[in-house]
Amino acid sequence: EAEAALLDSAERLRKAGQMEAAKKVEQTRIEALQRDLV
């Protein structure tokens, strides 16, 4: 659900023409999924 929320947010920002904000949301998603050890 959290990952879907970030994807939806990035899509809304892109549709609104806020490309830079959308990139930050996408980068947040990538960093949040990082795990040091599994």
Full PDB file with SEQRES, HELIX, SHEET, SSBOND, CRYST1, ORIGX, SCALE, CONECT and MASTER records, all heavy atoms in Angstrom:
SEQRES   1 A   38  GLU ALA GLU ALA ALA LEU LEU ASP SER ALA GLU ARG LEU          
SEQRES   2 A   38  ARG LYS ALA GLY GLN MET GLU ALA ALA LYS LYS VAL GLU          
SEQRES   3 A   38  GLN THR ARG ILE GLU ALA LEU GLN ARG ASP LEU VAL              
HELIX    1 AA1 ALA A    2  LYS A   15  1                                  14    
HELIX    2 AA2 MET A   19  ALA A   32  1                                  14    
CRYST1    1.000    1.000    1.000  90.00  90.00  90.00 P 1           1          
ORIGX1      1.000000  0.000000  0.000000        0.00000                         
ORIGX2      0.000000  1.000000  0.000000        0.00000                         
ORIGX3      0.000000  0.000000  1.000000        0.00000                         
SCALE1      1.000000  0.000000  0.000000        0.00000                         
SCALE2      0.000000  1.000000  0.000000        0.00000                         
SCALE3      0.000000  0.000000  1.000000        0.00000                         
ATOM      1  N   GLU A   1       0.830  -1.209   0.000  1.00  0.00           N  
ATOM      2  CA  GLU A   1       0.000   0.000   0.000  1.00  0.00           C  
ATOM      3  C   GLU A   1       0.865   1.259   0.000  1.00  0.00           C  
ATOM      4  O   GLU A   1       0.554   2.241  -0.695  1.00  0.00           O  
ATOM      5  CB  GLU A   1      -0.922  -0.005   1.212  1.00  0.00           C  
ATOM      6  CG  GLU A   1      -2.018  -1.050   1.161  1.00  0.00           C  
ATOM      7  CD  GLU A   1      -2.933  -0.992   2.368  1.00  0.00           C  
ATOM      8  OE1 GLU A   1      -2.766  -0.057   3.190  1.00  0.00           O  
ATOM      9  OE2 GLU A   1      -3.808  -1.871   2.502  1.00  0.00           O  
ATOM     10  N   ALA A   2       1.946   1.242   0.764  1.00  0.00           N  
ATOM     11  CA  ALA A   2       2.830   2.413   0.818  1.00  0.00           C  
ATOM     12  C   ALA A   2       3.507   2.639  -0.522  1.00  0.00           C  
ATOM     13  O   ALA A   2       3.623   3.783  -1.000  1.00  0.00           O  
ATOM     14  CB  ALA A   2       3.880   2.221   1.913  1.00  0.00           C  
ATOM     15  N   GLU A   3       3.955   1.558  -1.151  1.00  0.00           N  
ATOM     16  CA  GLU A   3       4.596   1.698  -2.459  1.00  0.00           C  
ATOM     17  C   GLU A   3       3.603   2.189  -3.501  1.00  0.00           C  
ATOM     18  O   GLU A   3       3.925   3.043  -4.340  1.00  0.00           O  
ATOM     19  CB  GLU A   3       5.192   0.357  -2.883  1.00  0.00           C  
ATOM     20  CG  GLU A   3       6.058   0.447  -4.125  1.00  0.00           C  
ATOM     21  CD  GLU A   3       6.760  -0.859  -4.443  1.00  0.00           C  
ATOM     22  OE1 GLU A   3       6.555  -1.850  -3.704  1.00  0.00           O  
ATOM     23  OE2 GLU A   3       7.512  -0.890  -5.433  1.00  0.00           O  
ATOM     24  N   ALA A   4       2.366   1.670  -3.447  1.00  0.00           N  
ATOM     25  CA  ALA A   4       1.334   2.124  -4.377  1.00  0.00           C  
ATOM     26  C   ALA A   4       1.010   3.600  -4.162  1.00  0.00           C  
ATOM     27  O   ALA A   4       0.764   4.343  -5.130  1.00  0.00           O  
ATOM     28  CB  ALA A   4       0.074   1.278  -4.208  1.00  0.00           C  
ATOM     29  N   ALA A   5       1.028   4.045  -2.902  1.00  0.00           N  
ATOM     30  CA  ALA A   5       0.759   5.453  -2.611  1.00  0.00           C  
ATOM     31  C   ALA A   5       1.813   6.355  -3.240  1.00  0.00           C  
ATOM     32  O   ALA A   5       1.503   7.420  -3.778  1.00  0.00           O  
ATOM     33  CB  ALA A   5       0.711   5.674  -1.098  1.00  0.00           C  
ATOM     34  N   LEU A   6       3.076   5.928  -3.183  1.00  0.00           N  
ATOM     35  CA  LEU A   6       4.147   6.725  -3.799  1.00  0.00           C  
ATOM     36  C   LEU A   6       4.028   6.733  -5.316  1.00  0.00           C  
ATOM     37  O   LEU A   6       4.246   7.772  -5.958  1.00  0.00           O  
ATOM     38  CB  LEU A   6       5.508   6.160  -3.378  1.00  0.00           C  
ATOM     39  CG  LEU A   6       5.890   6.372  -1.906  1.00  0.00           C  
ATOM     40  CD1 LEU A   6       7.167   5.620  -1.576  1.00  0.00           C  
ATOM     41  CD2 LEU A   6       6.058   7.857  -1.601  1.00  0.00           C  
ATOM     42  N   LEU A   7       3.676   5.601  -5.905  1.00  0.00           N  
ATOM     43  CA  LEU A   7       3.505   5.546  -7.365  1.00  0.00           C  
ATOM     44  C   LEU A   7       2.348   6.434  -7.815  1.00  0.00           C  
ATOM     45  O   LEU A   7       2.450   7.155  -8.821  1.00  0.00           O  
ATOM     46  CB  LEU A   7       3.272   4.105  -7.804  1.00  0.00           C  
ATOM     47  CG  LEU A   7       4.473   3.154  -7.659  1.00  0.00           C  
ATOM     48  CD1 LEU A   7       4.058   1.719  -7.961  1.00  0.00           C  
ATOM     49  CD2 LEU A   7       5.612   3.579  -8.589  1.00  0.00           C  
ATOM     50  N   ASP A   8       1.236   6.393  -7.077  1.00  0.00           N  
ATOM     51  CA  ASP A   8       0.086   7.242  -7.421  1.00  0.00           C  
ATOM     52  C   ASP A   8       0.441   8.722  -7.270  1.00  0.00           C  
ATOM     53  O   ASP A   8       0.034   9.559  -8.090  1.00  0.00           O  
ATOM     54  CB  ASP A   8      -1.106   6.906  -6.518  1.00  0.00           C  
ATOM     55  CG  ASP A   8      -1.655   5.513  -6.783  1.00  0.00           C  
ATOM     56  OD1 ASP A   8      -1.355   4.963  -7.857  1.00  0.00           O  
ATOM     57  OD2 ASP A   8      -2.373   4.987  -5.903  1.00  0.00           O  
ATOM     58  N   SER A   9       1.175   9.049  -6.218  1.00  0.00           N  
ATOM     59  CA  SER A   9       1.567  10.436  -5.996  1.00  0.00           C  
ATOM     60  C   SER A   9       2.458  10.946  -7.125  1.00  0.00           C  
ATOM     61  O   SER A   9       2.268  12.062  -7.626  1.00  0.00           O  
ATOM     62  CB  SER A   9       2.294  10.562  -4.656  1.00  0.00           C  
ATOM     63  OG  SER A   9       2.726  11.887  -4.434  1.00  0.00           O  
ATOM     64  N   ALA A  10       3.413  10.128  -7.527  1.00  0.00           N  
ATOM     65  CA  ALA A  10       4.303  10.531  -8.618  1.00  0.00           C  
ATOM     66  C   ALA A  10       3.528  10.734  -9.919  1.00  0.00           C  
ATOM     67  O   ALA A  10       3.791  11.679 -10.673  1.00  0.00           O  
ATOM     68  CB  ALA A  10       5.395   9.481  -8.811  1.00  0.00           C  
ATOM     69  N   GLU A  11       2.541   9.863 -10.157  1.00  0.00           N  
ATOM     70  CA  GLU A  11       1.744   9.982 -11.376  1.00  0.00           C  
ATOM     71  C   GLU A  11       0.910  11.264 -11.360  1.00  0.00           C  
ATOM     72  O   GLU A  11       0.799  11.960 -12.386  1.00  0.00           O  
ATOM     73  CB  GLU A  11       0.842   8.757 -11.516  1.00  0.00           C  
ATOM     74  CG  GLU A  11      -0.016   8.733 -12.765  1.00  0.00           C  
ATOM     75  CD  GLU A  11       0.801   8.672 -14.052  1.00  0.00           C  
ATOM     76  OE1 GLU A  11       1.969   8.210 -13.988  1.00  0.00           O  
ATOM     77  OE2 GLU A  11       0.288   9.092 -15.102  1.00  0.00           O  
ATOM     78  N   ARG A  12       0.317  11.604 -10.211  1.00  0.00           N  
ATOM     79  CA  ARG A  12      -0.469  12.843 -10.125  1.00  0.00           C  
ATOM     80  C   ARG A  12       0.416  14.068 -10.358  1.00  0.00           C  
ATOM     81  O   ARG A  12      -0.003  15.032 -11.038  1.00  0.00           O  
ATOM     82  CB  ARG A  12      -1.150  12.933  -8.760  1.00  0.00           C  
ATOM     83  CG  ARG A  12      -2.329  12.017  -8.579  1.00  0.00           C  
ATOM     84  CD  ARG A  12      -3.145  12.395  -7.348  1.00  0.00           C  
ATOM     85  NE  ARG A  12      -2.373  12.255  -6.124  1.00  0.00           N  
ATOM     86  CZ  ARG A  12      -2.323  11.140  -5.398  1.00  0.00           C  
ATOM     87  NH1 ARG A  12      -2.999  10.075  -5.784  1.00  0.00           N  
ATOM     88  NH2 ARG A  12      -1.608  11.089  -4.292  1.00  0.00           N  
ATOM     89  N   LEU A  13       1.600  14.043  -9.800  1.00  0.00           N  
ATOM     90  CA  LEU A  13       2.505  15.182  -9.971  1.00  0.00           C  
ATOM     91  C   LEU A  13       2.943  15.325 -11.418  1.00  0.00           C  
ATOM     92  O   LEU A  13       3.070  16.443 -11.934  1.00  0.00           O  
ATOM     93  CB  LEU A  13       3.725  15.017  -9.058  1.00  0.00           C  
ATOM     94  CG  LEU A  13       3.429  15.145  -7.554  1.00  0.00           C  
ATOM     95  CD1 LEU A  13       4.653  14.756  -6.736  1.00  0.00           C  
ATOM     96  CD2 LEU A  13       3.013  16.578  -7.204  1.00  0.00           C  
ATOM     97  N   ARG A  14       3.169  14.210 -12.089  1.00  0.00           N  
ATOM     98  CA  ARG A  14       3.551  14.286 -13.512  1.00  0.00           C  
ATOM     99  C   ARG A  14       2.414  14.856 -14.351  1.00  0.00           C  
ATOM    100  O   ARG A  14       2.646  15.672 -15.254  1.00  0.00           O  
ATOM    101  CB  ARG A  14       3.947  12.894 -14.014  1.00  0.00           C  
ATOM    102  CG  ARG A  14       5.382  12.503 -13.676  1.00  0.00           C  
ATOM    103  CD  ARG A  14       5.820  11.272 -14.436  1.00  0.00           C  
ATOM    104  NE  ARG A  14       5.124  10.086 -13.968  1.00  0.00           N  
ATOM    105  CZ  ARG A  14       5.578   9.275 -13.030  1.00  0.00           C  
ATOM    106  NH1 ARG A  14       6.735   9.541 -12.449  1.00  0.00           N  
ATOM    107  NH2 ARG A  14       4.891   8.213 -12.666  1.00  0.00           N  
ATOM    108  N   LYS A  15       1.185  14.417 -14.068  1.00  0.00           N  
ATOM    109  CA  LYS A  15       0.035  14.938 -14.812  1.00  0.00           C  
ATOM    110  C   LYS A  15      -0.164  16.430 -14.561  1.00  0.00           C  
ATOM    111  O   LYS A  15      -0.664  17.154 -15.434  1.00  0.00           O  
ATOM    112  CB  LYS A  15      -1.222  14.178 -14.429  1.00  0.00           C  
ATOM    113  CG  LYS A  15      -1.249  12.745 -14.948  1.00  0.00           C  
ATOM    114  CD  LYS A  15      -2.551  12.054 -14.570  1.00  0.00           C  
ATOM    115  CE  LYS A  15      -2.596  10.638 -15.132  1.00  0.00           C  
ATOM    116  NZ  LYS A  15      -3.847   9.927 -14.770  1.00  0.00           N  
ATOM    117  N   ALA A  16       0.250  16.890 -13.367  1.00  0.00           N  
ATOM    118  CA  ALA A  16       0.135  18.314 -13.047  1.00  0.00           C  
ATOM    119  C   ALA A  16       1.316  19.113 -13.570  1.00  0.00           C  
ATOM    120  O   ALA A  16       1.382  20.330 -13.345  1.00  0.00           O  
ATOM    121  CB  ALA A  16       0.015  18.495 -11.535  1.00  0.00           C  
ATOM    122  N   GLY A  17       2.237  18.455 -14.238  1.00  0.00           N  
ATOM    123  CA  GLY A  17       3.396  19.144 -14.804  1.00  0.00           C  
ATOM    124  C   GLY A  17       4.520  19.398 -13.823  1.00  0.00           C  
ATOM    125  O   GLY A  17       5.475  20.111 -14.136  1.00  0.00           O  
ATOM    126  N   GLN A  18       4.445  18.804 -12.628  1.00  0.00           N  
ATOM    127  CA  GLN A  18       5.486  18.999 -11.615  1.00  0.00           C  
ATOM    128  C   GLN A  18       6.504  17.853 -11.711  1.00  0.00           C  
ATOM    129  O   GLN A  18       6.564  16.959 -10.871  1.00  0.00           O  
ATOM    130  CB  GLN A  18       4.862  19.058 -10.226  1.00  0.00           C  
ATOM    131  CG  GLN A  18       3.815  20.156 -10.075  1.00  0.00           C  
ATOM    132  CD  GLN A  18       3.201  20.184  -8.689  1.00  0.00           C  
ATOM    133  OE1 GLN A  18       3.889  19.993  -7.679  1.00  0.00           O  
ATOM    134  NE2 GLN A  18       1.902  20.420  -8.616  1.00  0.00           N  
ATOM    135  N   MET A  19       7.298  17.886 -12.756  1.00  0.00           N  
ATOM    136  CA  MET A  19       8.218  16.788 -13.050  1.00  0.00           C  
ATOM    137  C   MET A  19       9.289  16.638 -11.974  1.00  0.00           C  
ATOM    138  O   MET A  19       9.666  15.524 -11.620  1.00  0.00           O  
ATOM    139  CB  MET A  19       8.859  17.017 -14.419  1.00  0.00           C  
ATOM    140  CG  MET A  19       7.859  17.037 -15.561  1.00  0.00           C  
ATOM    141  SD  MET A  19       6.901  15.486 -15.618  1.00  0.00           S  
ATOM    142  CE  MET A  19       5.781  15.831 -16.973  1.00  0.00           C  
ATOM    143  N   GLU A  20       9.797  17.733 -11.466  1.00  0.00           N  
ATOM    144  CA  GLU A  20      10.857  17.655 -10.471  1.00  0.00           C  
ATOM    145  C   GLU A  20      10.343  17.027  -9.171  1.00  0.00           C  
ATOM    146  O   GLU A  20      11.021  16.192  -8.546  1.00  0.00           O  
ATOM    147  CB  GLU A  20      11.402  19.053 -10.180  1.00  0.00           C  
ATOM    148  CG  GLU A  20      12.731  19.066  -9.447  1.00  0.00           C  
ATOM    149  CD  GLU A  20      13.848  18.424 -10.244  1.00  0.00           C  
ATOM    150  OE1 GLU A  20      13.810  18.480 -11.488  1.00  0.00           O  
ATOM    151  OE2 GLU A  20      14.754  17.839  -9.600  1.00  0.00           O  
ATOM    152  N   ALA A  21       9.125  17.422  -8.767  1.00  0.00           N  
ATOM    153  CA  ALA A  21       8.531  16.847  -7.557  1.00  0.00           C  
ATOM    154  C   ALA A  21       8.252  15.364  -7.755  1.00  0.00           C  
ATOM    155  O   ALA A  21       8.432  14.556  -6.836  1.00  0.00           O  
ATOM    156  CB  ALA A  21       7.245  17.587  -7.201  1.00  0.00           C  
ATOM    157  N   ALA A  22       7.822  14.975  -8.972  1.00  0.00           N  
ATOM    158  CA  ALA A  22       7.557  13.568  -9.260  1.00  0.00           C  
ATOM    159  C   ALA A  22       8.837  12.741  -9.169  1.00  0.00           C  
ATOM    160  O   ALA A  22       8.831  11.609  -8.677  1.00  0.00           O  
ATOM    161  CB  ALA A  22       6.929  13.422 -10.637  1.00  0.00           C  
ATOM    162  N   LYS A  23       9.953  13.308  -9.627  1.00  0.00           N  
ATOM    163  CA  LYS A  23      11.234  12.596  -9.543  1.00  0.00           C  
ATOM    164  C   LYS A  23      11.649  12.383  -8.091  1.00  0.00           C  
ATOM    165  O   LYS A  23      12.200  11.341  -7.738  1.00  0.00           O  
ATOM    166  CB  LYS A  23      12.309  13.389 -10.291  1.00  0.00           C  
ATOM    167  CG  LYS A  23      12.161  13.365 -11.806  1.00  0.00           C  
ATOM    168  CD  LYS A  23      13.284  14.151 -12.468  1.00  0.00           C  
ATOM    169  CE  LYS A  23      13.142  14.139 -13.986  1.00  0.00           C  
ATOM    170  NZ  LYS A  23      14.220  14.927 -14.636  1.00  0.00           N  
ATOM    171  N   LYS A  24      11.381  13.375  -7.240  1.00  0.00           N  
ATOM    172  CA  LYS A  24      11.726  13.233  -5.819  1.00  0.00           C  
ATOM    173  C   LYS A  24      10.907  12.119  -5.164  1.00  0.00           C  
ATOM    174  O   LYS A  24      11.423  11.361  -4.341  1.00  0.00           O  
ATOM    175  CB  LYS A  24      11.486  14.558  -5.095  1.00  0.00           C  
ATOM    176  CG  LYS A  24      12.482  15.650  -5.464  1.00  0.00           C  
ATOM    177  CD  LYS A  24      12.213  16.909  -4.661  1.00  0.00           C  
ATOM    178  CE  LYS A  24      13.230  17.997  -4.997  1.00  0.00           C  
ATOM    179  NZ  LYS A  24      12.985  19.243  -4.229  1.00  0.00           N  
ATOM    180  N   VAL A  25       9.626  12.018  -5.521  1.00  0.00           N  
ATOM    181  CA  VAL A  25       8.787  10.963  -4.974  1.00  0.00           C  
ATOM    182  C   VAL A  25       9.287   9.602  -5.421  1.00  0.00           C  
ATOM    183  O   VAL A  25       9.367   8.651  -4.633  1.00  0.00           O  
ATOM    184  CB  VAL A  25       7.320  11.163  -5.395  1.00  0.00           C  
ATOM    185  CG1 VAL A  25       6.469   9.968  -4.963  1.00  0.00           C  
ATOM    186  CG2 VAL A  25       6.759  12.443  -4.792  1.00  0.00           C  
ATOM    187  N   GLU A  26       9.654   9.488  -6.698  1.00  0.00           N  
ATOM    188  CA  GLU A  26      10.171   8.221  -7.215  1.00  0.00           C  
ATOM    189  C   GLU A  26      11.481   7.849  -6.539  1.00  0.00           C  
ATOM    190  O   GLU A  26      11.717   6.685  -6.206  1.00  0.00           O  
ATOM    191  CB  GLU A  26      10.354   8.316  -8.731  1.00  0.00           C  
ATOM    192  CG  GLU A  26      10.870   7.052  -9.386  1.00  0.00           C  
ATOM    193  CD  GLU A  26       9.943   5.866  -9.200  1.00  0.00           C  
ATOM    194  OE1 GLU A  26       8.725   6.085  -9.004  1.00  0.00           O  
ATOM    195  OE2 GLU A  26      10.442   4.724  -9.233  1.00  0.00           O  
ATOM    196  N   GLN A  27      12.334   8.834  -6.293  1.00  0.00           N  
ATOM    197  CA  GLN A  27      13.593   8.572  -5.610  1.00  0.00           C  
ATOM    198  C   GLN A  27      13.342   8.137  -4.158  1.00  0.00           C  
ATOM    199  O   GLN A  27      14.045   7.258  -3.634  1.00  0.00           O  
ATOM    200  CB  GLN A  27      14.473   9.824  -5.645  1.00  0.00           C  
ATOM    201  CG  GLN A  27      15.855   9.634  -5.046  1.00  0.00           C  
ATOM    202  CD  GLN A  27      16.674   8.604  -5.791  1.00  0.00           C  
ATOM    203  OE1 GLN A  27      16.519   8.411  -6.989  1.00  0.00           O  
ATOM    204  NE2 GLN A  27      17.552   7.923  -5.061  1.00  0.00           N  
ATOM    205  N   THR A  28      12.340   8.743  -3.544  1.00  0.00           N  
ATOM    206  CA  THR A  28      11.972   8.335  -2.183  1.00  0.00           C  
ATOM    207  C   THR A  28      11.546   6.872  -2.148  1.00  0.00           C  
ATOM    208  O   THR A  28      11.923   6.120  -1.242  1.00  0.00           O  
ATOM    209  CB  THR A  28      10.832   9.216  -1.658  1.00  0.00           C  
ATOM    210  OG1 THR A  28      11.277  10.577  -1.564  1.00  0.00           O  
ATOM    211  CG2 THR A  28      10.357   8.749  -0.285  1.00  0.00           C  
ATOM    212  N   ARG A  29      10.767   6.459  -3.144  1.00  0.00           N  
ATOM    213  CA  ARG A  29      10.318   5.063  -3.209  1.00  0.00           C  
ATOM    214  C   ARG A  29      11.505   4.109  -3.345  1.00  0.00           C  
ATOM    215  O   ARG A  29      11.579   3.070  -2.670  1.00  0.00           O  
ATOM    216  CB  ARG A  29       9.360   4.867  -4.381  1.00  0.00           C  
ATOM    217  CG  ARG A  29       8.735   3.470  -4.456  1.00  0.00           C  
ATOM    218  CD  ARG A  29       7.889   3.333  -5.702  1.00  0.00           C  
ATOM    219  NE  ARG A  29       8.712   3.299  -6.897  1.00  0.00           N  
ATOM    220  CZ  ARG A  29       9.300   2.203  -7.382  1.00  0.00           C  
ATOM    221  NH1 ARG A  29       9.151   1.040  -6.765  1.00  0.00           N  
ATOM    222  NH2 ARG A  29      10.026   2.259  -8.475  1.00  0.00           N  
ATOM    223  N   ILE A  30      12.443   4.451  -4.208  1.00  0.00           N  
ATOM    224  CA  ILE A  30      13.607   3.597  -4.427  1.00  0.00           C  
ATOM    225  C   ILE A  30      14.437   3.480  -3.152  1.00  0.00           C  
ATOM    226  O   ILE A  30      14.857   2.390  -2.756  1.00  0.00           O  
ATOM    227  CB  ILE A  30      14.461   4.154  -5.586  1.00  0.00           C  
ATOM    228  CG1 ILE A  30      13.678   4.058  -6.903  1.00  0.00           C  
ATOM    229  CG2 ILE A  30      15.780   3.401  -5.697  1.00  0.00           C  
ATOM    230  CD1 ILE A  30      14.366   4.726  -8.070  1.00  0.00           C  
ATOM    231  N   GLU A  31      14.666   4.601  -2.483  1.00  0.00           N  
ATOM    232  CA  GLU A  31      15.481   4.587  -1.264  1.00  0.00           C  
ATOM    233  C   GLU A  31      14.772   3.865  -0.120  1.00  0.00           C  
ATOM    234  O   GLU A  31      15.422   3.186   0.684  1.00  0.00           O  
ATOM    235  CB  GLU A  31      15.810   6.029  -0.853  1.00  0.00           C  
ATOM    236  CG  GLU A  31      16.728   6.744  -1.830  1.00  0.00           C  
ATOM    237  CD  GLU A  31      16.962   8.189  -1.449  1.00  0.00           C  
ATOM    238  OE1 GLU A  31      16.330   8.646  -0.460  1.00  0.00           O  
ATOM    239  OE2 GLU A  31      17.755   8.875  -2.133  1.00  0.00           O  
ATOM    240  N   ALA A  32      13.442   3.997  -0.054  1.00  0.00           N  
ATOM    241  CA  ALA A  32      12.702   3.361   1.033  1.00  0.00           C  
ATOM    242  C   ALA A  32      12.698   1.843   0.915  1.00  0.00           C  
ATOM    243  O   ALA A  32      12.528   1.142   1.926  1.00  0.00           O  
ATOM    244  CB  ALA A  32      11.264   3.877   1.051  1.00  0.00           C  
ATOM    245  N   LEU A  33      12.896   1.312  -0.279  1.00  0.00           N  
ATOM    246  CA  LEU A  33      12.894  -0.130  -0.488  1.00  0.00           C  
ATOM    247  C   LEU A  33      14.277  -0.749  -0.310  1.00  0.00           C  
ATOM    248  O   LEU A  33      14.433  -1.967  -0.458  1.00  0.00           O  
ATOM    249  CB  LEU A  33      12.362  -0.458  -1.884  1.00  0.00           C  
ATOM    250  CG  LEU A  33      10.864  -0.172  -2.107  1.00  0.00           C  
ATOM    251  CD1 LEU A  33      10.505  -0.365  -3.571  1.00  0.00           C  
ATOM    252  CD2 LEU A  33      10.008  -1.067  -1.223  1.00  0.00           C  
ATOM    253  N   GLN A  34      15.260   0.043   0.011  1.00  0.00           N  
ATOM    254  CA  GLN A  34      16.616  -0.487   0.192  1.00  0.00           C  
ATOM    255  C   GLN A  34      16.732  -1.201   1.540  1.00  0.00           C  
ATOM    256  O   GLN A  34      16.191  -0.756   2.544  1.00  0.00           O  
ATOM    257  CB  GLN A  34      17.639   0.643   0.104  1.00  0.00           C  
ATOM    258  CG  GLN A  34      17.738   1.274  -1.275  1.00  0.00           C  
ATOM    259  CD  GLN A  34      18.683   2.462  -1.319  1.00  0.00           C  
ATOM    260  OE1 GLN A  34      19.331   2.783  -0.326  1.00  0.00           O  
ATOM    261  NE2 GLN A  34      18.780   3.100  -2.465  1.00  0.00           N  
ATOM    262  N   ARG A  35      17.450  -2.323   1.552  1.00  0.00           N  
ATOM    263  CA  ARG A  35      17.696  -3.106   2.756  1.00  0.00           C  
ATOM    264  C   ARG A  35      19.180  -3.440   2.810  1.00  0.00           C  
ATOM    265  O   ARG A  35      19.743  -3.967   1.851  1.00  0.00           O  
ATOM    266  CB  ARG A  35      16.890  -4.412   2.742  1.00  0.00           C  
ATOM    267  CG  ARG A  35      15.404  -4.222   2.427  1.00  0.00           C  
ATOM    268  CD  ARG A  35      14.658  -3.668   3.608  1.00  0.00           C  
ATOM    269  NE  ARG A  35      13.229  -3.533   3.330  1.00  0.00           N  
ATOM    270  CZ  ARG A  35      12.587  -2.396   3.195  1.00  0.00           C  
ATOM    271  NH1 ARG A  35      13.255  -1.250   3.283  1.00  0.00           N  
ATOM    272  NH2 ARG A  35      11.298  -2.365   2.961  1.00  0.00           N  
ATOM    273  N   ASP A  36      19.790  -3.159   3.943  1.00  0.00           N  
ATOM    274  CA  ASP A  36      21.219  -3.451   4.076  1.00  0.00           C  
ATOM    275  C   ASP A  36      21.504  -4.941   4.055  1.00  0.00           C  
ATOM    276  O   ASP A  36      22.495  -5.386   3.475  1.00  0.00           O  
ATOM    277  CB  ASP A  36      21.765  -2.834   5.370  1.00  0.00           C  
ATOM    278  CG  ASP A  36      21.934  -1.329   5.262  1.00  0.00           C  
ATOM    279  OD1 ASP A  36      21.749  -0.789   4.154  1.00  0.00           O  
ATOM    280  OD2 ASP A  36      22.230  -0.683   6.286  1.00  0.00           O  
ATOM    281  N   LEU A  37      20.638  -5.742   4.703  1.00  0.00           N  
ATOM    282  CA  LEU A  37      20.889  -7.180   4.775  1.00  0.00           C  
ATOM    283  C   LEU A  37      19.568  -7.934   4.874  1.00  0.00           C  
ATOM    284  O   LEU A  37      18.708  -7.594   5.681  1.00  0.00           O  
ATOM    285  CB  LEU A  37      21.766  -7.518   5.992  1.00  0.00           C  
ATOM    286  CG  LEU A  37      22.145  -8.986   6.186  1.00  0.00           C  
ATOM    287  CD1 LEU A  37      22.994  -9.488   5.025  1.00  0.00           C  
ATOM    288  CD2 LEU A  37      22.892  -9.177   7.505  1.00  0.00           C  
ATOM    289  N   VAL A  38      19.432  -8.958   4.033  1.00  0.00           N  
ATOM    290  CA  VAL A  38      18.273  -9.846   4.068  1.00  0.00           C  
ATOM    291  C   VAL A  38      18.793 -11.277   4.065  1.00  0.00           C  
ATOM    292  O   VAL A  38      19.617 -11.643   3.225  1.00  0.00           O  
ATOM    293  CB  VAL A  38      17.335  -9.632   2.854  1.00  0.00           C  
ATOM    294  CG1 VAL A  38      16.170 -10.626   2.899  1.00  0.00           C  
ATOM    295  CG2 VAL A  38      16.816  -8.201   2.824  1.00  0.00           C  
TER     296      VAL A  38                                                      
MASTER        0    0    0    2    0    0    0    6  295    1    0    3          
END                                                                             
